[in-house]
Structure formats: structure tokens, C-alpha cells
Amino acid sequence: MSWSDRSNGSDDSRLEVEPDIARDVVAACNGLLGELDQMRRNLFVIANVSGMGTLQSGINLAEKFSKKAKDGEDSLEKSLNSHIQVVTEMRDFFQQCVDRYGEVDDSNASALAGAETPR
């Protein structure tokens, strides 16, 4: 199960969240996304490994460490992108909770405003 499964209704489990809590989670996700994006933008700094010498073994080691930061199979870049995707899905899910609560609340308010009360 992923957060996107919850968002599109393909997950049968239920998660009930108070609207104020959902708003706080959306704000926290936005803050974390900003930090993760900043880390991703700073990858070029650590992806350019140097100072390992001019021998082929040093050059190979520098290349290996560079790929740990960017463009490698298990790079930090890929890990950050994965985290960004999950946090984005979480944020979108909780934003939908807030939006749906507002829609239902508005609908209920409209229905009650139109109801006549006996005198």
C-alpha cells in the first residue's frame, strides 16, 4: 500500500484524521520537501569528488564516491528522489483530507441553512 493508493481510494483501510491535524501534517510535509529539495540541489557539491591522487586507483575511487552521490545505482540522489516522492504523496493525501472535510462541512452548512424549523 502506498500513499497514492490511499488517495485514489484503491486501499480498503480507513484513516481518520482531524482537519487541524491534517493541516499541520501538510505544513510539515511542505517543510520537509523544502529541505529535501535543498539537499538535492546541493548534490553537485559532493558529487565532484577530488583529491584522491593521480594514480588510476585514486581516480577510480573518486569516481566510485561521486557515483554514491549522483548517477550511481544506490546514490544519494535516488534516495532523496524516493523520499521526495513519498512525502509528496503523503502531503497530497492529507491535503485531500482537508479539502474533503471543507466540502462536506460546506455542504452540511448549506443543507442546514435551507432547512425550515418548526415553530
Foldseek 3Di string as FASTA:
>chain_A
DALVCVQVVVDPDDDDDDLVVLVVLLVVLVVVLVVLVVLLVCLVVQLQFDDQDDDPVSVVVNNVRSLLDPDHPNHPNVVSVVVSVRSVSSSVSSVVVNVVVVVVVVVVVVVVVPDDDDD
